[in-house]
Amino acid sequence: MKFLFTAVALLATPLAASAQTAPAAAPAAARLTIDSSIEAIAANPKGKAILDAQFPGMMAHESYPMFKGMSLKQVQPYAQGKITDADIAKVAAELAKLN
């Protein structure tokens, strides 16, 4: 898992840098979807639990500050198959239950 996020950090630096200029995480009342930033999902305790269950250690990863502004869909191409369409579908289904 560490390799996955290190690769993402190295490959996604331009995307992460532009994401840092975006507004902060969405308000807690905002609807969370698979297109929400990882940071926005993690800001909601139930959303964080969903991410922790599907991707253990993601928020503790040393490169988290670099990719937290990206959505899972944006990170997926850099994950070398570690974030699958099935993983994203599972997270999407769980997030839909929150809304």
Protein backbone atom coordinates (compact mmCIF):
# COMPACT_ATOMS: atom_id res chain seq x y z
CA MET A 1 0.00 0.00 0.00
CA LYS A 2 2.89 2.35 0.76
CA PHE A 3 4.20 1.90 -2.79
CA LEU A 4 0.79 2.81 -4.17
CA PHE A 5 0.63 6.17 -2.46
CA THR A 6 4.30 6.94 -3.05
CA ALA A 7 3.70 6.38 -6.76
CA VAL A 8 0.63 8.57 -6.63
CA ALA A 9 2.56 11.31 -4.87
CA LEU A 10 5.33 11.26 -7.43
CA LEU A 11 3.07 11.10 -10.47
CA ALA A 12 0.31 13.39 -9.27
CA THR A 13 2.30 16.32 -7.94
CA PRO A 14 0.98 18.77 -10.58
CA LEU A 15 -2.60 17.67 -9.92
CA ALA A 16 -2.14 17.80 -6.17
CA ALA A 17 -0.58 21.25 -6.37
CA SER A 18 -3.54 22.61 -8.33
CA ALA A 19 -5.95 20.89 -5.95
CA GLN A 20 -4.35 22.70 -3.02
CA THR A 21 -5.51 26.01 -4.46
CA ALA A 22 -9.10 24.77 -4.53
CA PRO A 23 -11.48 25.61 -1.70
CA ALA A 24 -11.16 23.62 1.51
CA ALA A 25 -13.11 20.43 2.09
CA ALA A 26 -16.81 20.59 1.41
CA PRO A 27 -19.05 21.45 4.36
CA ALA A 28 -20.15 18.50 6.47
CA ALA A 29 -23.71 18.85 5.17
CA ALA A 30 -22.57 18.48 1.55
CA ARG A 31 -23.44 15.27 -0.21
CA LEU A 32 -20.42 12.99 -0.47
CA THR A 33 -19.92 11.12 -3.72
CA ILE A 34 -17.12 9.26 -5.42
CA ASP A 35 -16.22 12.58 -7.07
CA SER A 36 -15.65 14.24 -3.69
CA SER A 37 -12.06 14.79 -2.67
CA ILE A 38 -10.51 12.17 -0.41
CA GLU A 39 -10.08 14.95 2.16
CA ALA A 40 -13.79 15.83 2.06
CA ILE A 41 -14.77 12.19 2.51
CA ALA A 42 -12.29 11.76 5.37
CA ALA A 43 -13.63 14.89 7.10
CA ASN A 44 -16.89 13.04 7.72
CA PRO A 45 -16.38 10.37 10.43
CA LYS A 46 -18.55 7.86 8.55
CA GLY A 47 -16.79 8.69 5.28
CA LYS A 48 -13.42 8.20 6.95
CA ALA A 49 -14.58 4.80 8.22
CA ILE A 50 -15.52 3.83 4.66
CA LEU A 51 -12.09 4.84 3.34
CA ASP A 52 -10.32 3.11 6.24
CA ALA A 53 -12.22 -0.10 5.56
CA GLN A 54 -11.47 -0.11 1.83
CA PHE A 55 -7.97 1.44 1.92
CA PRO A 56 -6.38 0.87 5.34
CA GLY A 57 -3.67 3.38 6.18
CA MET A 58 -4.55 5.87 3.45
CA MET A 59 -4.93 8.89 5.75
CA ALA A 60 -1.77 7.99 7.69
CA HIS A 61 0.35 7.75 4.55
CA GLU A 62 3.23 10.22 4.36
CA SER A 63 2.04 11.46 0.95
CA TYR A 64 -1.56 12.01 2.01
CA PRO A 65 -1.15 15.82 1.92
CA MET A 66 -0.23 15.53 -1.75
CA PHE A 67 -3.24 13.50 -2.91
CA LYS A 68 -5.94 14.39 -0.39
CA GLY A 69 -7.39 17.04 -2.69
CA MET A 70 -7.97 14.45 -5.42
CA SER A 71 -10.91 12.10 -5.79
CA LEU A 72 -10.45 8.34 -5.83
CA LYS A 73 -11.22 8.43 -9.55
CA GLN A 74 -8.39 10.93 -10.06
CA VAL A 75 -5.94 8.85 -8.03
CA GLN A 76 -6.92 5.55 -9.68
CA PRO A 77 -4.81 5.90 -12.87
CA TYR A 78 -1.67 6.36 -10.76
CA ALA A 79 -2.42 3.47 -8.41
CA GLN A 80 -1.10 0.70 -10.65
CA GLY A 81 -4.24 -1.37 -10.21
CA LYS A 82 -4.41 -0.99 -6.43
CA ILE A 83 -7.61 1.08 -6.67
CA THR A 84 -9.95 -0.92 -8.85
CA ASP A 85 -13.30 -0.09 -10.37
CA ALA A 86 -14.78 -2.54 -7.86
CA ASP A 87 -13.15 -0.65 -4.96
CA ILE A 88 -14.57 2.62 -6.24
CA ALA A 89 -18.00 1.04 -6.67
CA LYS A 90 -17.92 -0.23 -3.06
CA VAL A 91 -17.00 3.20 -1.74
CA ALA A 92 -19.65 4.84 -3.94
CA ALA A 93 -22.33 2.47 -2.62
CA GLU A 94 -21.34 3.13 0.99
CA LEU A 95 -21.26 6.90 0.45
CA ALA A 96 -24.73 6.76 -1.13
CA LYS A 97 -26.05 5.24 2.11
CA LEU A 98 -24.84 8.32 4.00
CA ASN A 99 -26.83 10.78 1.91
